[in-house]
N, C-alpha and C. Protein backbone atom coordinates (compact mmCIF):
# COMPACT_ATOMS: atom_id res chain seq x y z
N MET A 1 1.12 -1.17 0.04
CA MET A 1 0.05 -0.36 -0.20
C MET A 1 0.68 1.51 -0.14
N ASP A 2 0.58 2.21 -1.06
CA ASP A 2 0.80 3.29 -0.46
C ASP A 2 0.94 4.70 0.24
N LEU A 3 1.72 4.55 1.06
CA LEU A 3 1.42 6.05 1.58
C LEU A 3 1.04 7.02 0.87
N PHE A 4 -0.14 7.73 1.99
CA PHE A 4 -0.19 9.26 1.27
C PHE A 4 1.07 10.19 0.87
N GLY A 5 1.92 10.07 1.81
CA GLY A 5 3.46 10.54 1.29
C GLY A 5 3.80 10.18 -0.06
N ASP A 6 3.82 8.69 -0.09
CA ASP A 6 4.47 8.75 -1.59
C ASP A 6 3.95 9.11 -2.72
N VAL A 7 2.40 9.29 -2.70
CA VAL A 7 1.38 9.28 -3.71
C VAL A 7 1.67 11.06 -4.04
N PHE A 8 1.50 11.65 -2.64
CA PHE A 8 2.02 13.27 -3.19
C PHE A 8 3.12 13.45 -3.53
N LYS A 9 4.33 12.90 -3.01
CA LYS A 9 5.52 13.56 -3.92
C LYS A 9 4.91 12.69 -4.63
N ARG A 10 4.96 11.77 -6.09
CA ARG A 10 4.78 11.47 -7.01
C ARG A 10 4.14 12.38 -8.17
N ALA A 11 2.98 12.90 -7.22
CA ALA A 11 1.84 13.51 -8.02
C ALA A 11 3.07 15.23 -8.20
N LYS A 12 3.55 15.51 -6.95
CA LYS A 12 4.43 16.18 -7.23
C LYS A 12 5.47 16.91 -8.05
N LEU A 13 6.21 15.50 -8.17
CA LEU A 13 7.25 15.70 -8.60
C LEU A 13 6.48 16.14 -10.35
N ALA A 14 5.10 14.91 -11.09
CA ALA A 14 4.92 15.24 -12.27
C ALA A 14 4.40 16.34 -12.19
N LYS A 15 4.01 17.27 -11.61
CA LYS A 15 3.38 19.09 -11.40
C LYS A 15 4.99 19.66 -11.79
N LYS A 16 6.22 19.18 -10.86
CA LYS A 16 7.77 20.41 -10.80
C LYS A 16 6.63 21.31 -10.10
N ALA A 17 5.99 21.38 -8.92
CA ALA A 17 6.18 22.18 -7.71
C ALA A 17 7.00 22.22 -7.22
N THR A 18 6.99 22.96 -5.87
CA THR A 18 7.56 23.41 -4.96
C THR A 18 7.12 23.52 -3.84
N LEU A 19 7.39 23.15 -3.39
CA LEU A 19 6.55 23.69 -1.56
C LEU A 19 6.31 24.31 -1.15
N ARG A 20 7.13 25.62 -1.74
CA ARG A 20 6.42 27.08 -1.61
C ARG A 20 4.87 27.48 -2.12
N GLU A 21 5.19 26.99 -3.08
CA GLU A 21 3.64 27.44 -4.95
C GLU A 21 2.80 26.22 -3.60
N LEU A 22 3.15 24.40 -3.17
CA LEU A 22 2.11 24.59 -2.61
C LEU A 22 1.56 25.70 -1.26
N ALA A 23 2.28 25.43 -0.62
CA ALA A 23 2.73 26.40 0.58
C ALA A 23 1.90 27.57 0.22
N GLU A 24 1.85 27.93 -0.41
CA GLU A 24 1.62 29.52 -0.77
C GLU A 24 -0.32 29.06 -1.28
N PHE A 25 -0.34 27.86 -1.73
CA PHE A 25 -2.11 28.17 -2.48
C PHE A 25 -3.23 26.98 -1.01
N THR A 26 -2.06 26.13 -0.57
CA THR A 26 -2.65 25.67 0.46
C THR A 26 -2.94 26.50 2.02
N GLY A 27 -2.16 26.94 2.44
CA GLY A 27 -2.11 27.87 3.72
C GLY A 27 -1.57 27.61 4.63
N LYS A 28 -0.55 26.21 4.29
CA LYS A 28 -0.07 25.84 4.89
C LYS A 28 1.77 25.74 4.78
N SER A 29 2.70 25.45 6.25
CA SER A 29 3.59 25.67 6.32
C SER A 29 4.41 24.81 5.27
N ILE A 30 5.67 25.71 4.94
CA ILE A 30 6.73 24.52 3.64
C ILE A 30 6.78 23.45 4.87
N GLY A 31 7.61 23.76 6.18
CA GLY A 31 7.93 22.44 7.00
C GLY A 31 6.88 21.84 7.05
N TYR A 32 5.80 22.07 7.39
CA TYR A 32 4.87 20.98 7.47
C TYR A 32 4.55 19.70 6.70
N LEU A 33 4.31 21.08 5.28
CA LEU A 33 4.28 19.85 3.78
C LEU A 33 5.60 18.41 3.84
N SER A 34 7.01 19.44 4.36
CA SER A 34 7.84 18.98 4.34
C SER A 34 7.64 17.31 4.82
N ASP A 35 6.72 17.38 6.46
CA ASP A 35 7.43 16.39 7.26
C ASP A 35 5.65 15.38 6.31
N VAL A 36 4.61 16.47 5.83
CA VAL A 36 3.70 14.52 5.03
C VAL A 36 4.74 13.77 3.94
N LEU A 37 5.17 14.83 3.26
CA LEU A 37 6.07 13.96 1.86
C LEU A 37 7.05 12.99 2.27
N GLN A 38 7.45 13.08 3.61
CA GLN A 38 8.21 12.68 4.27
C GLN A 38 8.16 11.53 5.14
N LYS A 39 6.77 11.53 5.14
CA LYS A 39 5.96 10.61 6.29
C LYS A 39 5.99 10.17 7.45
N ARG A 40 6.43 12.22 8.01
CA ARG A 40 6.55 11.67 9.65
C ARG A 40 5.51 12.50 9.58
N LYS A 41 4.56 12.85 9.09
CA LYS A 41 3.48 13.08 9.56
C LYS A 41 2.48 12.37 8.72
N GLY A 42 1.22 12.42 9.50
CA GLY A 42 -0.11 11.22 8.61
C GLY A 42 -0.66 12.49 7.52
N PRO A 43 -1.28 12.30 6.54
CA PRO A 43 -2.03 12.69 5.67
C PRO A 43 -2.81 14.11 6.75
N PRO A 44 -2.90 14.96 5.64
CA PRO A 44 -3.20 16.62 6.18
C PRO A 44 -4.53 16.04 6.16
N ASP A 45 -6.06 17.19 6.38
CA ASP A 45 -7.71 17.08 6.74
C ASP A 45 -7.41 17.11 5.01
N LEU A 46 -8.87 17.19 5.16
CA LEU A 46 -9.96 16.15 3.75
C LEU A 46 -10.08 17.87 3.03
N GLU A 47 -10.03 18.86 3.64
CA GLU A 47 -9.88 20.20 2.60
C GLU A 47 -8.62 20.34 2.63
N THR A 48 -7.77 19.93 2.95
CA THR A 48 -6.30 20.10 2.37
C THR A 48 -5.76 19.32 1.38
N VAL A 49 -6.10 18.58 1.54
CA VAL A 49 -5.82 17.01 0.63
C VAL A 49 -6.74 17.61 -0.84
N THR A 50 -7.69 18.01 -1.11
CA THR A 50 -8.04 18.65 -1.99
C THR A 50 -8.14 19.44 -2.60
N LYS A 51 -7.04 21.00 -2.01
CA LYS A 51 -6.56 21.52 -1.74
C LYS A 51 -5.23 21.36 -3.31
N ILE A 52 -4.35 20.58 -1.93
CA ILE A 52 -3.60 20.03 -3.04
C ILE A 52 -3.55 19.51 -4.40
N GLU A 53 -4.78 18.42 -4.38
CA GLU A 53 -5.22 17.67 -5.25
C GLU A 53 -5.56 18.30 -6.86
N LYS A 54 -6.34 20.02 -5.91
CA LYS A 54 -6.74 21.16 -7.06
C LYS A 54 -4.66 21.83 -7.64
N PHE A 55 -4.48 21.87 -6.77
CA PHE A 55 -2.82 22.25 -7.56
C PHE A 55 -2.08 21.76 -8.26
N LEU A 56 -2.11 20.59 -8.08
CA LEU A 56 -1.67 19.67 -8.39
C LEU A 56 -1.95 19.16 -10.01
N GLY A 57 -3.57 18.82 -9.89
CA GLY A 57 -4.54 18.50 -11.00
C GLY A 57 -4.53 17.24 -11.10
N VAL A 58 -4.72 16.49 -9.83
CA VAL A 58 -4.80 15.33 -9.38
C VAL A 58 -6.50 15.02 -9.82
N LYS A 59 -6.78 14.16 -10.84
CA LYS A 59 -8.27 14.36 -11.09
C LYS A 59 -9.11 13.06 -10.81
N ASP A 60 -7.83 12.23 -11.01
CA ASP A 60 -8.93 10.49 -10.02
C ASP A 60 -8.98 10.88 -8.71
N HIS A 61 -8.83 11.60 -7.90
CA HIS A 61 -9.22 11.48 -6.05
C HIS A 61 -7.88 10.61 -5.68
N SER A 62 -6.64 9.80 -6.33
CA SER A 62 -5.41 9.31 -5.46
C SER A 62 -5.20 9.54 -4.35
N LEU A 63 -4.90 11.09 -4.48
CA LEU A 63 -4.71 11.72 -3.00
C LEU A 63 -5.41 11.30 -1.61
N LEU A 64 -6.81 11.86 -2.11
CA LEU A 64 -7.68 11.58 -0.86
C LEU A 64 -7.52 10.22 -0.78
N HIS A 65 -8.02 9.02 -2.13
CA HIS A 65 -7.76 7.50 -1.78
C HIS A 65 -6.59 6.99 -1.00
N ALA A 66 -4.96 8.05 -1.10
CA ALA A 66 -4.71 7.29 -0.19
C ALA A 66 -4.39 7.93 1.32
N ALA A 67 -4.63 8.86 1.31
CA ALA A 67 -5.57 9.54 3.28
C ALA A 67 -6.56 8.44 3.51
N ALA A 68 -6.90 8.16 2.96
CA ALA A 68 -7.93 7.83 3.48
C ALA A 68 -7.81 6.15 3.31
N ARG A 69 -7.11 5.52 2.93
CA ARG A 69 -6.34 4.16 3.02
C ARG A 69 -5.75 4.39 4.96
N GLU A 70 -4.51 5.44 4.47
CA GLU A 70 -3.77 5.44 5.70
C GLU A 70 -4.68 5.83 6.43
N ARG A 71 -5.53 7.13 6.92
CA ARG A 71 -6.46 6.70 7.94
C ARG A 71 -6.92 5.51 8.40
N ALA A 72 -7.56 4.63 7.47
CA ALA A 72 -8.31 3.23 8.57
C ALA A 72 -7.38 2.62 9.33
N ALA A 73 -6.07 2.65 8.59
CA ALA A 73 -5.05 1.55 8.87
C ALA A 73 -4.89 1.72 9.80
N LYS A 74 -4.72 3.33 10.05
CA LYS A 74 -4.46 3.69 11.95
C LYS A 74 -5.11 3.34 12.48
N PRO A 75 -5.07 2.53 14.00
CA PRO A 75 -5.87 2.70 15.46
C PRO A 75 -6.40 4.30 15.71
N SER A 76 -7.64 4.43 15.81
CA SER A 76 -7.66 6.03 16.43
C SER A 76 -7.43 6.45 17.80
N ASN A 77 -7.93 7.34 18.04
CA ASN A 77 -7.17 7.97 19.11
C ASN A 77 -7.07 7.41 20.96
N LEU A 78 -8.53 7.02 20.32
CA LEU A 78 -10.25 6.39 21.47
C LEU A 78 -8.87 4.38 21.62
N ALA A 79 -8.40 4.33 20.43
CA ALA A 79 -8.18 3.16 20.79
C ALA A 79 -6.45 3.24 21.15
N ARG A 80 -5.58 4.12 20.75
CA ARG A 80 -4.01 3.88 21.89
C ARG A 80 -4.75 4.26 22.71
N ARG A 81 -5.30 4.67 22.69
CA ARG A 81 -5.27 5.49 24.44
C ARG A 81 -5.88 4.05 25.30
N VAL A 82 -6.44 3.59 24.98
CA VAL A 82 -6.96 2.23 25.83
C VAL A 82 -5.68 1.16 25.39
N LYS A 83 -5.47 1.45 24.44
CA LYS A 83 -4.14 -0.14 24.74
C LYS A 83 -2.90 0.38 25.46
N SER A 84 -3.11 1.81 25.30
CA SER A 84 -1.50 2.15 26.66
C SER A 84 -1.78 2.20 27.87
N ARG A 85 -3.39 1.76 28.48
CA ARG A 85 -3.57 2.00 29.46
C ARG A 85 -4.32 0.53 30.24
N PRO A 86 -3.47 -0.38 30.32
CA PRO A 86 -3.87 -1.49 30.34
C PRO A 86 -5.11 -1.41 31.77
N LEU A 87 -5.73 -0.47 32.62
CA LEU A 87 -6.64 -0.48 33.95
C LEU A 87 -7.94 -0.19 32.61
N LEU A 88 -8.08 0.89 31.66
CA LEU A 88 -8.82 1.79 31.30
C LEU A 88 -9.22 -0.11 30.68
N ARG A 89 -8.52 -0.64 30.18
CA ARG A 89 -8.52 -2.07 29.37
C ARG A 89 -9.68 -2.77 29.64
N GLU A 90 -9.22 -2.99 31.09
CA GLU A 90 -9.47 -3.58 32.23
C GLU A 90 -10.84 -3.50 32.48
N ALA A 91 -11.47 -2.86 32.55
CA ALA A 91 -12.10 -1.41 33.00
C ALA A 91 -13.36 -1.55 32.29
N LEU A 92 -12.94 -1.39 30.83
CA LEU A 92 -14.01 -1.80 29.39
C LEU A 92 -14.39 -2.67 29.17
N LEU A 93 -13.46 -3.76 29.23
CA LEU A 93 -13.85 -5.09 29.45
C LEU A 93 -14.86 -5.90 30.49
N ARG A 94 -15.21 -5.38 31.68
CA ARG A 94 -15.93 -5.74 32.50
C ARG A 94 -17.56 -5.17 32.42
N MET A 95 -16.64 -3.92 31.24
CA MET A 95 -18.55 -2.83 31.79
C MET A 95 -19.31 -3.57 30.36
N GLU A 96 -18.62 -4.38 29.63
CA GLU A 96 -19.25 -5.39 28.35
C GLU A 96 -20.42 -5.34 28.24
N ASP A 97 -20.64 -5.82 29.32
CA ASP A 97 -21.93 -6.36 29.42
C ASP A 97 -23.01 -6.04 30.30
N MET A 98 -22.69 -4.92 30.67
CA MET A 98 -23.44 -3.99 31.15
C MET A 98 -24.94 -3.50 30.94
N SER A 99 -25.76 -3.13 31.28
CA SER A 99 -27.26 -2.83 31.00
C SER A 99 -26.60 -1.02 30.89
N ASN A 100 -26.88 -0.56 30.05
CA ASN A 100 -27.09 1.27 29.54
C ASN A 100 -27.53 1.92 31.39
N GLU A 101 -28.11 1.33 32.13
CA GLU A 101 -28.90 2.06 33.39
C GLU A 101 -27.10 1.65 34.30
N GLU A 102 -26.75 0.34 33.98
CA GLU A 102 -25.62 0.25 35.43
C GLU A 102 -24.69 1.06 34.88
N LEU A 103 -23.96 1.45 34.03
CA LEU A 103 -23.04 2.16 32.89
C LEU A 103 -23.13 3.24 33.44
N GLU A 104 -25.00 4.14 32.87
CA GLU A 104 -25.06 5.66 33.61
C GLU A 104 -24.99 5.76 34.93
N LYS A 105 -25.33 5.09 35.09
CA LYS A 105 -24.63 4.42 37.42
C LYS A 105 -23.23 4.97 37.49
N ILE A 106 -22.78 4.53 36.58
CA ILE A 106 -20.60 4.41 36.95
C ILE A 106 -19.96 5.37 36.35
N VAL A 107 -20.90 5.88 34.90
CA VAL A 107 -20.41 7.03 34.65
C VAL A 107 -20.59 8.41 35.26
N ASP A 108 -21.92 8.88 35.57
CA ASP A 108 -22.29 9.72 36.71
C ASP A 108 -21.49 9.81 37.48
N GLN A 109 -20.56 8.99 38.28
CA GLN A 109 -19.92 9.46 39.52
C GLN A 109 -18.44 9.52 38.86
N LEU A 110 -18.00 9.70 37.87
CA LEU A 110 -17.03 9.77 37.41
C LEU A 110 -16.89 11.38 37.12
N PRO A 111 -15.26 12.17 37.34
CA PRO A 111 -15.37 13.58 37.29
C PRO A 111 -15.38 13.92 35.62
N GLY A 112 -15.68 15.26 35.18
CA GLY A 112 -15.89 15.27 33.61
C GLY A 112 -16.99 16.02 33.84
N ASN A 113 -17.51 16.56 32.06
CA ASN A 113 -18.35 16.77 31.37
C ASN A 113 -19.19 15.25 30.64
N TYR A 114 -20.81 14.82 31.49
CA TYR A 114 -20.95 13.77 30.94
C TYR A 114 -22.19 14.03 29.98
N LEU A 115 -22.68 15.40 30.18
CA LEU A 115 -24.25 15.34 30.12
C LEU A 115 -23.91 15.53 28.28
N LEU A 116 -23.23 15.98 27.51
CA LEU A 116 -22.57 15.64 26.25
C LEU A 116 -23.08 14.15 25.46
N PHE A 117 -22.07 13.75 26.47
CA PHE A 117 -23.06 12.25 25.78
C PHE A 117 -23.83 11.62 25.63
N LYS A 118 -24.26 11.90 26.51
CA LYS A 118 -26.16 11.50 27.45
C LYS A 118 -26.85 11.99 27.08
N GLY A 119 -26.76 13.47 26.33
CA GLY A 119 -27.83 13.72 25.55
C GLY A 119 -27.71 13.17 24.17
N LYS A 120 -26.82 12.96 23.28
CA LYS A 120 -26.93 11.58 23.08
C LYS A 120 -27.71 10.18 22.82
N VAL A 121 -26.87 9.72 23.81
CA VAL A 121 -27.87 8.82 23.83
C VAL A 121 -29.10 8.31 24.39
N GLU A 122 -29.84 9.26 24.36
CA GLU A 122 -31.39 9.85 25.13
C GLU A 122 -31.74 9.98 23.50
N GLY A 123 -31.05 10.78 22.83
CA GLY A 123 -31.52 11.01 21.28
C GLY A 123 -31.79 9.98 20.47
N GLU A 124 -31.01 8.82 20.81
CA GLU A 124 -30.79 7.95 19.88
C GLU A 124 -31.90 7.15 19.20
């Protein structure tokens, strides 16, 4: 699988575009775009990828597809947090079979703002 940086680099070379030109067009810094090209950073947001495609004349959306594939292959921020905290993972496993009412009682006791989540659950 080609990473976004690889597809981006090929398109940039084909257009013979400079990082300075790309930076001016996208509003991103040269350093940031360089990091993306060198795969030190992941794909940019959708709006930036769309601007890059427009500037480079990429009509087949290969940059968007590469960005989507790369994002799908990486675990989400939540998954990384759970994986890095064994106690959090254990708590989630223990709560997996609890009813919504049981979970609500537990969450109500936790610090932080639960109201945003609670509204989404009740509205479902």
